[in-house]
Amino acid sequence: MAISTFSPRDHRRNRLGFVMDYVFFSVGLTFAGINTTLPAFAARLTVDPLLIGLVGAVWNCGWLLPQTFAARYLSTAPRKMPIILFFSWIGRPVFLLFALYLFLSGAVWPAATLLLLYLASFYFSFTDSITGVAWFDLLGKALSNRERGRFIGMGQAAAGILSIGAGVIIRWVLESSGLGFPNNYAVILVFADVCFLLSLAAIYLVREPLEKVASERQNMSDYLPGLVQLIRRDRMFLRVNVARVLIGLCGLASPFFAVYAIRVLNLPEGDVGWFAIAQTIGLAIAGLVLGSLAERRGSVSVVRIVGGIYLTAPIFVLAAGALGSNQMLSTLLMAAAFLMLGMGDGSIMLGFLNYILDIAPPDKRPIYVGLTNTLAGATVLFPFLGGLLVDGVGYGIVFVLAAVGVAAGWAVGASLPNLAVSPAGSDQSQAGISGP
């Protein structure tokens, strides 16, 4: 296999493909939001906060837990594009099938509908988790470290702008008198899946450079102890993951923000659309401001502030509860909470995952990414635990506990060292074996 240099046209194709893929996928997640639309839908099927919180838990479980094991197989695969395409095609249409069920059944069996929501969420996130490990490896070798910060920022900014329109659509659909439950949520899920499939179409633009990979796959008996050694040996890897998990304690509370607004503050259900808009504006702000910061000062600059961003979200919700008699002010404070939640969510890839790509050896990139996301799998329990706590001690205590956990993660993340980055960046995309 002859090594060839990528042309400027190849780089343009890759940047365009990644940006379009990222934008459409992000807009799809606005329609199928695990902090907005999906918990609000579950709340129409059950009053049990534990079951509502389980929506986010099963989604995160499907996304995070399989990635270390997927990384073992992907570490010896020289081509990641076929893996991305295969698992995307078999996984992403699931919400279309679930929407079809809603149209045909009318959700007359709430328990069965809730179970199918769990299954659809888990299946989508599980298949996309395998795609995600391959996608991050493709991103790491196709774009340099400075290009990644710029690309992620551009993608988030564009996604934020388009997702404002998605939020308007969500609000209109939920308030439309012509679309009753569950058809209104079915329409929203159709919009989500269309965006996911447009994202898949965009990835076909990317040309994949090839890097050397391990010639033999490790036995599981060697692979798992090797992961433990990686955690013990690479202190920066350990610290960045501890910070990410602690900051993830925001997940104790965030799935209940929208439910709290509707049930406790008595805000209209249609305000879920405004909250989705606010969250995506936060994503756009993160892309514009923090993307530029990551490009100029490195991913660690984002890691050092993301905890502070997340910390403000439960604080705004607590303030909205304290001023619950003023509906307009409560709505603004809840929107501010979702704005900061969006900025925080938009900082994870710019900060933590970009930092992991910076410290990972090229031949171990899938393992670093997969193990990072599996360690973050601890956060899948947080919405579930949040549901237990809401049921036992109430919303306010849960929001305070989330704020304390995030503050601890902020302290760990702020102490991470900066990485030396050359002015030109480590342009790993300059050489590779030409893709088709």
Protein backbone atom coordinates (compact mmCIF):
# COMPACT_ATOMS: atom_id res chain seq x y z
CA MET A 1 0.00 0.00 0.00
CA ALA A 2 1.58 3.24 -1.13
CA ILE A 3 1.45 6.24 1.13
CA SER A 4 0.21 9.38 -0.63
CA THR A 5 -0.24 12.99 0.39
CA PHE A 6 -3.73 14.37 0.73
CA SER A 7 -4.48 17.25 -1.63
CA PRO A 8 -6.12 20.54 -0.55
CA ARG A 9 -9.29 19.28 -2.22
CA ASP A 10 -9.24 16.22 0.05
CA HIS A 11 -8.93 18.43 3.12
CA ARG A 12 -11.84 20.60 1.96
CA ARG A 13 -13.99 17.50 1.42
CA ASN A 14 -13.13 16.19 4.87
CA ARG A 15 -13.87 19.47 6.62
CA LEU A 16 -17.17 19.87 4.76
CA GLY A 17 -18.18 16.27 5.41
CA PHE A 18 -17.40 16.43 9.12
CA VAL A 19 -19.13 19.78 9.61
CA MET A 20 -22.30 18.72 7.78
CA ASP A 21 -22.34 15.38 9.61
CA TYR A 22 -21.93 17.11 12.96
CA VAL A 23 -24.54 19.78 12.22
CA PHE A 24 -27.33 17.46 11.10
CA PHE A 25 -26.66 14.96 13.88
CA SER A 26 -26.78 17.75 16.48
CA VAL A 27 -30.07 19.07 15.10
CA GLY A 28 -31.44 15.53 15.26
CA LEU A 29 -30.49 15.39 18.93
CA THR A 30 -32.42 18.62 19.47
CA PHE A 31 -35.58 16.93 18.23
CA ALA A 32 -34.85 13.74 20.22
CA GLY A 33 -33.44 15.52 23.27
CA ILE A 34 -32.79 13.41 26.37
CA ASN A 35 -33.20 16.50 28.57
CA THR A 36 -36.26 17.93 26.80
CA THR A 37 -38.42 16.00 24.32
CA LEU A 38 -37.93 12.40 25.47
CA PRO A 39 -38.46 13.04 29.23
CA ALA A 40 -41.48 15.22 28.42
CA PHE A 41 -42.88 12.37 26.28
CA ALA A 42 -42.22 9.85 29.08
CA ALA A 43 -44.00 12.19 31.52
CA ARG A 44 -47.17 11.79 29.40
CA LEU A 45 -46.98 8.03 29.92
CA THR A 46 -46.11 7.86 33.63
CA VAL A 47 -46.02 10.06 36.72
CA ASP A 48 -43.18 8.06 38.29
CA PRO A 49 -40.01 10.23 38.27
CA LEU A 50 -37.89 7.08 38.45
CA LEU A 51 -39.30 5.85 35.13
CA ILE A 52 -38.91 9.30 33.59
CA GLY A 53 -35.25 9.46 34.63
CA LEU A 54 -34.73 5.98 33.19
CA VAL A 55 -35.08 7.44 29.67
CA GLY A 56 -31.77 9.29 29.98
CA ALA A 57 -30.18 6.36 31.81
CA VAL A 58 -30.87 3.78 29.09
CA TRP A 59 -29.74 6.22 26.39
CA ASN A 60 -26.44 6.90 28.15
CA CYS A 61 -26.00 3.23 28.99
CA GLY A 62 -26.29 2.27 25.33
CA TRP A 63 -23.90 5.03 24.27
CA LEU A 64 -21.14 4.77 26.87
CA LEU A 65 -20.79 1.24 28.19
CA PRO A 66 -20.00 -0.75 24.99
CA GLN A 67 -17.26 1.52 23.72
CA THR A 68 -14.25 -0.06 25.43
CA PHE A 69 -15.15 -3.46 24.02
CA ALA A 70 -15.83 -1.97 20.59
CA ALA A 71 -12.43 -0.26 20.73
CA ARG A 72 -10.69 -3.65 21.06
CA TYR A 73 -12.08 -4.72 17.69
CA LEU A 74 -11.63 -1.34 16.05
CA SER A 75 -7.99 -1.05 17.12
CA THR A 76 -6.96 -3.52 14.39
CA ALA A 77 -9.29 -2.16 11.68
CA PRO A 78 -7.32 -0.03 9.16
CA ARG A 79 -10.55 1.40 7.71
CA LYS A 80 -13.16 2.97 9.96
CA MET A 81 -15.55 4.27 7.30
CA PRO A 82 -17.21 0.87 6.57
CA ILE A 83 -17.88 0.43 10.29
CA ILE A 84 -19.39 3.90 10.61
CA LEU A 85 -21.67 3.36 7.63
CA PHE A 86 -22.81 -0.14 8.59
CA PHE A 87 -23.81 0.62 12.18
CA SER A 88 -25.38 3.95 11.19
CA TRP A 89 -27.60 2.32 8.58
CA ILE A 90 -28.82 -0.42 10.91
CA GLY A 91 -29.30 1.88 13.90
CA ARG A 92 -30.48 5.33 12.93
CA PRO A 93 -33.86 4.46 11.33
CA VAL A 94 -35.18 3.11 14.65
CA PHE A 95 -37.00 6.33 15.58
CA LEU A 96 -38.89 6.21 12.28
CA LEU A 97 -40.16 2.76 13.27
CA PHE A 98 -41.08 3.99 16.74
CA ALA A 99 -42.91 6.99 15.25
CA LEU A 100 -44.82 4.62 12.96
CA TYR A 101 -45.86 2.61 16.03
CA LEU A 102 -47.12 5.81 17.70
CA PHE A 103 -49.14 6.79 14.63
CA LEU A 104 -50.73 3.34 14.35
CA SER A 105 -51.27 2.54 18.04
CA GLY A 106 -52.17 5.92 19.46
CA ALA A 107 -50.14 4.93 22.56
CA VAL A 108 -53.25 3.27 24.02
CA TRP A 109 -50.95 1.01 26.06
CA PRO A 110 -48.81 3.47 28.05
CA ALA A 111 -46.65 0.79 29.70
CA ALA A 112 -45.87 -0.88 26.36
CA THR A 113 -45.17 2.48 24.74
CA LEU A 114 -42.79 3.47 27.52
CA LEU A 115 -40.99 0.13 27.21
CA LEU A 116 -40.63 0.64 23.45
CA LEU A 117 -39.28 4.15 24.10
CA TYR A 118 -36.59 2.63 26.32
CA LEU A 119 -35.77 -0.04 23.73
CA ALA A 120 -35.62 2.43 20.83
CA SER A 121 -33.43 4.83 22.82
CA PHE A 122 -31.07 2.06 23.89
CA TYR A 123 -30.85 0.52 20.41
CA PHE A 124 -30.13 3.87 18.76
CA SER A 125 -27.45 4.84 21.26
CA PHE A 126 -25.90 1.34 21.33
CA THR A 127 -25.39 1.14 17.56
CA ASP A 128 -24.24 4.73 17.45
CA SER A 129 -21.73 4.12 20.25
CA ILE A 130 -19.82 1.74 17.97
CA THR A 131 -20.08 4.32 15.21
CA GLY A 132 -18.81 6.93 17.67
CA VAL A 133 -15.54 5.14 18.49
CA ALA A 134 -14.77 4.74 14.78
CA TRP A 135 -15.86 8.33 14.07
CA PHE A 136 -13.54 9.84 16.69
CA ASP A 137 -10.63 7.81 15.36
CA LEU A 138 -11.45 9.02 11.85
CA LEU A 139 -11.64 12.60 13.11
CA GLY A 140 -8.34 12.28 14.97
CA LYS A 141 -6.39 11.17 11.92
CA ALA A 142 -8.22 13.22 9.27
CA LEU A 143 -7.92 16.61 11.01
CA SER A 144 -5.05 18.12 13.00
CA ASN A 145 -5.52 19.23 16.61
CA ARG A 146 -6.02 22.89 15.66
CA GLU A 147 -8.38 21.95 12.82
CA ARG A 148 -10.46 19.89 15.26
CA GLY A 149 -11.08 22.87 17.52
CA ARG A 150 -12.08 25.02 14.55
CA PHE A 151 -14.27 22.29 13.04
CA ILE A 152 -16.07 21.49 16.29
CA GLY A 153 -16.69 25.18 16.92
CA MET A 154 -18.01 25.81 13.41
CA GLY A 155 -20.22 22.72 13.60
CA GLN A 156 -21.67 23.65 16.96
CA ALA A 157 -22.34 27.23 15.90
CA ALA A 158 -24.13 26.14 12.72
CA ALA A 159 -26.01 23.42 14.59
CA GLY A 160 -27.09 25.93 17.21
CA ILE A 161 -28.52 28.28 14.61
CA LEU A 162 -30.43 25.51 12.83
CA SER A 163 -31.55 24.00 16.11
CA ILE A 164 -33.29 27.24 17.03
CA GLY A 165 -35.59 26.44 14.13
CA ALA A 166 -35.91 22.90 15.49
CA GLY A 167 -36.98 24.30 18.85
CA VAL A 168 -39.60 26.48 17.16
CA ILE A 169 -40.90 23.40 15.35
CA ILE A 170 -41.05 21.42 18.61
CA ARG A 171 -43.03 24.19 20.28
CA TRP A 172 -45.42 24.52 17.33
CA VAL A 173 -46.00 20.77 17.12
CA LEU A 174 -46.65 20.38 20.85
CA GLU A 175 -49.07 23.32 20.90
CA SER A 176 -50.83 22.50 17.64
CA SER A 177 -54.52 21.71 18.15
CA GLY A 178 -54.50 19.50 15.06
CA LEU A 179 -51.85 17.15 16.46
CA GLY A 180 -52.91 15.36 19.59
CA PHE A 181 -50.84 13.04 21.74
CA PRO A 182 -48.95 10.88 20.74
CA ASN A 183 -48.96 12.02 17.10
CA ASN A 184 -47.26 15.28 18.07
CA TYR A 185 -44.28 13.44 19.54
CA ALA A 186 -44.25 11.02 16.60
CA VAL A 187 -43.86 13.95 14.20
CA ILE A 188 -40.97 15.30 16.28
CA LEU A 189 -39.23 11.91 16.14
CA VAL A 190 -39.66 11.79 12.36
CA PHE A 191 -37.89 15.14 12.12
CA ALA A 192 -35.14 13.74 14.36
CA ASP A 193 -34.54 10.69 12.21
CA VAL A 194 -34.52 12.69 8.97
CA CYS A 195 -31.70 14.77 10.44
CA PHE A 196 -29.82 11.65 11.53
CA LEU A 197 -30.02 10.23 8.02
CA LEU A 198 -28.85 13.53 6.47
CA SER A 199 -25.90 13.35 8.87
CA LEU A 200 -25.15 9.87 7.58
CA ALA A 201 -25.27 11.09 3.98
CA ALA A 202 -22.72 13.82 4.77
CA ILE A 203 -20.11 11.37 6.06
CA TYR A 204 -19.83 9.91 2.55
CA LEU A 205 -17.88 13.06 1.62
CA VAL A 206 -14.99 12.15 3.94
CA ARG A 207 -11.87 10.52 2.52
CA GLU A 208 -10.13 8.37 5.09
CA PRO A 209 -6.35 8.47 5.55
CA LEU A 210 -4.89 5.24 6.87
CA GLU A 211 -2.50 4.84 9.77
CA LYS A 212 -0.63 1.85 11.07
CA VAL A 213 -2.71 -0.30 13.39
CA ALA A 214 -1.93 -3.30 15.55
CA SER A 215 -1.47 -6.41 13.44
CA GLU A 216 -3.13 -8.69 15.99
CA ARG A 217 -6.08 -8.13 18.29
CA GLN A 218 -5.29 -8.63 21.98
CA ASN A 219 -6.89 -11.48 23.86
CA MET A 220 -9.48 -10.29 26.32
CA SER A 221 -7.36 -11.73 29.15
CA ASP A 222 -4.57 -9.32 28.16
CA TYR A 223 -6.77 -6.47 26.99
CA LEU A 224 -8.65 -5.80 30.23
CA PRO A 225 -5.55 -5.75 32.49
CA GLY A 226 -3.94 -3.47 29.91
CA LEU A 227 -6.78 -0.98 30.40
CA VAL A 228 -6.16 -0.97 34.14
CA GLN A 229 -2.47 -0.32 33.50
CA LEU A 230 -3.36 2.54 31.15
CA ILE A 231 -5.41 4.21 33.88
CA ARG A 232 -2.64 3.74 36.44
CA ARG A 233 0.18 4.81 34.12
CA ASP A 234 -1.32 7.83 32.35
CA ARG A 235 -2.12 10.31 35.12
CA MET A 236 -3.49 12.96 32.76
CA PHE A 237 -5.86 10.39 31.30
CA LEU A 238 -7.08 9.49 34.78
CA ARG A 239 -7.55 13.06 35.91
CA VAL A 240 -9.46 14.19 32.85
CA ASN A 241 -11.81 11.24 33.24
CA VAL A 242 -12.35 11.87 36.95
CA ALA A 243 -13.23 15.48 36.12
CA ARG A 244 -15.63 14.39 33.40
CA VAL A 245 -17.47 11.89 35.63
CA LEU A 246 -17.82 14.35 38.50
CA ILE A 247 -19.13 17.06 36.18
CA GLY A 248 -21.51 14.43 34.81
CA LEU A 249 -23.29 14.57 38.19
CA CYS A 250 -25.28 17.35 36.56
CA GLY A 251 -27.14 14.37 35.09
CA LEU A 252 -28.73 13.77 38.50
CA ALA A 253 -30.82 16.85 37.86
CA SER A 254 -30.86 17.80 34.15
CA PRO A 255 -33.43 15.16 33.01
CA PHE A 256 -35.87 16.69 35.49
CA PHE A 257 -35.46 20.34 34.54
CA ALA A 258 -38.31 20.30 32.00
CA VAL A 259 -40.52 18.07 34.17
CA TYR A 260 -39.93 20.37 37.17
CA ALA A 261 -40.87 23.39 35.07
CA ILE A 262 -44.15 21.81 33.96
CA ARG A 263 -45.21 20.00 37.15
CA VAL A 264 -43.91 22.25 39.92
CA LEU A 265 -43.63 25.70 38.34
CA ASN A 266 -46.81 25.11 36.28
CA LEU A 267 -45.25 26.40 33.08
CA PRO A 268 -46.98 25.44 29.79
CA GLU A 269 -45.84 22.20 28.15
CA GLY A 270 -45.11 24.19 24.99
CA ASP A 271 -42.28 25.92 26.86
CA VAL A 272 -40.28 22.74 26.25
CA GLY A 273 -39.75 24.21 22.77
CA TRP A 274 -38.30 27.40 24.25
CA PHE A 275 -36.04 25.37 26.50
CA ALA A 276 -34.81 23.39 23.50
CA ILE A 277 -34.10 26.68 21.70
CA ALA A 278 -32.20 28.02 24.72
CA GLN A 279 -30.16 24.82 24.96
CA THR A 280 -29.19 24.97 21.31
CA ILE A 281 -28.31 28.67 21.55
CA GLY A 282 -25.96 27.61 24.34
CA LEU A 283 -24.49 25.01 22.02
CA ALA A 284 -23.94 27.70 19.36
CA ILE A 285 -22.31 30.06 21.86
CA ALA A 286 -19.99 27.27 22.98
CA GLY A 287 -19.05 26.63 19.36
CA LEU A 288 -18.31 30.26 18.57
CA VAL A 289 -16.58 31.28 21.79
CA LEU A 290 -15.06 28.09 23.15
CA GLY A 291 -14.18 26.73 19.70
CA SER A 292 -12.05 29.79 19.13
CA LEU A 293 -10.57 29.42 22.62
CA ALA A 294 -9.68 25.75 21.96
CA GLU A 295 -8.03 26.68 18.65
CA ARG A 296 -5.92 29.44 20.21
CA ARG A 297 -5.10 28.01 23.65
CA GLY A 298 -5.74 24.29 23.37
CA SER A 299 -8.46 21.96 24.58
CA VAL A 300 -7.36 22.26 28.21
CA SER A 301 -8.60 25.85 28.28
CA VAL A 302 -12.13 24.53 27.71
CA VAL A 303 -11.72 21.69 30.24
CA ARG A 304 -10.77 24.24 32.88
CA ILE A 305 -14.04 26.20 32.58
CA VAL A 306 -16.67 23.62 31.64
CA GLY A 307 -17.42 22.80 35.28
CA GLY A 308 -18.24 26.41 36.00
CA ILE A 309 -20.59 26.49 33.03
CA TYR A 310 -22.49 23.39 34.16
CA LEU A 311 -22.63 24.63 37.75
CA THR A 312 -24.82 27.57 36.82
CA ALA A 313 -27.58 25.34 35.35
CA PRO A 314 -28.97 23.86 38.61
CA ILE A 315 -28.43 27.21 40.31
CA PHE A 316 -30.73 28.92 37.79
CA VAL A 317 -33.35 26.18 38.27
CA LEU A 318 -33.22 26.63 42.05
CA ALA A 319 -33.65 30.37 41.54
CA ALA A 320 -36.67 29.74 39.31
CA GLY A 321 -38.20 27.62 42.06
CA ALA A 322 -37.56 30.32 44.66
CA LEU A 323 -39.37 32.85 42.44
CA GLY A 324 -42.08 30.48 41.23
CA SER A 325 -44.89 32.99 41.73
CA ASN A 326 -43.57 35.07 38.83
CA GLN A 327 -44.21 32.89 35.77
CA MET A 328 -42.35 35.08 33.29
CA LEU A 329 -39.27 35.30 35.48
CA SER A 330 -39.41 31.57 36.14
CA THR A 331 -39.54 30.90 32.40
CA LEU A 332 -36.53 33.15 31.80
CA LEU A 333 -34.54 31.48 34.59
CA MET A 334 -35.40 28.01 33.30
CA ALA A 335 -34.39 29.09 29.80
CA ALA A 336 -31.11 30.39 31.25
CA ALA A 337 -30.55 26.99 32.89
CA PHE A 338 -31.00 25.24 29.55
CA LEU A 339 -28.75 27.82 27.89
CA MET A 340 -25.94 26.94 30.29
CA LEU A 341 -26.71 23.24 29.96
CA GLY A 342 -26.29 23.63 26.20
CA MET A 343 -22.99 25.46 26.64
CA GLY A 344 -21.81 22.69 28.94
CA ASP A 345 -22.87 19.95 26.54
CA GLY A 346 -21.13 21.85 23.76
CA SER A 347 -17.93 21.91 25.80
CA ILE A 348 -17.58 18.13 26.29
CA MET A 349 -16.28 17.44 22.80
CA LEU A 350 -14.32 20.69 22.56
CA GLY A 351 -12.72 20.06 25.92
CA PHE A 352 -12.61 16.53 27.28
CA LEU A 353 -12.73 14.45 24.10
CA ASN A 354 -10.42 16.79 22.20
CA TYR A 355 -7.98 16.59 25.14
CA ILE A 356 -8.13 12.78 24.95
CA LEU A 357 -7.34 12.90 21.21
CA ASP A 358 -4.38 15.14 22.01
CA ILE A 359 -2.83 12.80 24.59
CA ALA A 360 -3.64 9.48 22.87
CA PRO A 361 -0.91 7.72 20.82
CA PRO A 362 -2.26 7.37 17.24
CA ASP A 363 -2.25 3.56 17.29
CA LYS A 364 -4.18 3.52 20.59
CA ARG A 365 -6.67 6.27 19.78
CA PRO A 366 -9.75 3.98 19.63
CA ILE A 367 -8.80 2.48 23.00
CA TYR A 368 -8.36 5.91 24.64
CA VAL A 369 -11.68 7.14 23.24
CA GLY A 370 -13.56 3.94 23.99
CA LEU A 371 -12.23 3.66 27.55
CA THR A 372 -12.97 7.34 28.17
CA ASN A 373 -16.58 6.93 27.19
CA THR A 374 -16.95 3.66 29.09
CA LEU A 375 -15.57 5.28 32.25
CA ALA A 376 -18.12 8.01 31.68
CA GLY A 377 -20.66 5.18 31.71
CA ALA A 378 -20.84 5.77 35.47
CA THR A 379 -22.97 8.77 34.54
CA VAL A 380 -25.70 6.49 33.14
CA LEU A 381 -26.78 5.84 36.71
CA PHE A 382 -27.14 9.50 37.55
CA PRO A 383 -30.59 10.10 35.96
CA PHE A 384 -31.81 6.86 37.56
CA LEU A 385 -30.45 7.91 40.96
CA GLY A 386 -31.89 11.35 40.39
CA GLY A 387 -35.31 9.79 39.89
CA LEU A 388 -34.98 7.84 43.16
CA LEU A 389 -33.92 10.97 45.01
CA VAL A 390 -36.66 13.14 43.50
CA ASP A 391 -39.20 10.57 44.62
CA GLY A 392 -37.68 10.44 48.12
CA VAL A 393 -36.43 13.90 49.01
CA GLY A 394 -37.76 16.19 46.27
CA TYR A 395 -36.38 18.21 43.37
CA GLY A 396 -34.56 20.87 45.38
CA ILE A 397 -32.18 18.48 47.18
CA VAL A 398 -31.35 16.76 43.89
CA PHE A 399 -30.47 20.06 42.25
CA VAL A 400 -28.21 20.99 45.19
CA LEU A 401 -26.43 17.60 45.11
CA ALA A 402 -25.85 18.00 41.37
CA ALA A 403 -24.31 21.43 41.93
CA VAL A 404 -21.93 20.10 44.61
CA GLY A 405 -20.75 17.25 42.35
CA VAL A 406 -20.18 19.55 39.41
CA ALA A 407 -18.18 21.94 41.61
CA ALA A 408 -15.87 19.06 42.60
CA GLY A 409 -15.37 18.13 38.95
CA TRP A 410 -14.64 21.73 38.08
CA ALA A 411 -11.83 21.77 40.66
CA VAL A 412 -10.23 18.64 39.17
CA GLY A 413 -10.55 19.85 35.58
CA ALA A 414 -9.10 23.26 36.39
CA SER A 415 -5.90 21.60 37.61
CA LEU A 416 -5.12 19.76 34.36
CA PRO A 417 -1.85 20.75 32.67
CA ASN A 418 -1.71 22.45 29.30
CA LEU A 419 -0.25 20.40 26.47
CA ALA A 420 2.52 21.69 24.27
CA VAL A 421 1.07 22.33 20.82
CA SER A 422 3.23 23.41 17.93
CA PRO A 423 2.05 26.48 15.98
CA ALA A 424 1.22 24.34 12.98
CA GLY A 425 -0.48 21.62 15.03
CA SER A 426 0.19 17.93 14.66
CA ASP A 427 -1.15 17.61 11.18
CA GLN A 428 -1.84 13.91 11.12
CA SER A 429 -4.11 14.30 8.14
CA GLN A 430 -1.34 15.32 5.79
CA ALA A 431 -0.21 11.83 5.00
CA GLY A 432 -2.18 8.70 4.56
CA ILE A 433 -3.34 6.13 2.12
CA SER A 434 -5.86 7.63 -0.20
CA GLY A 435 -9.44 6.52 0.27
CA PRO A 436 -11.86 5.99 -2.52
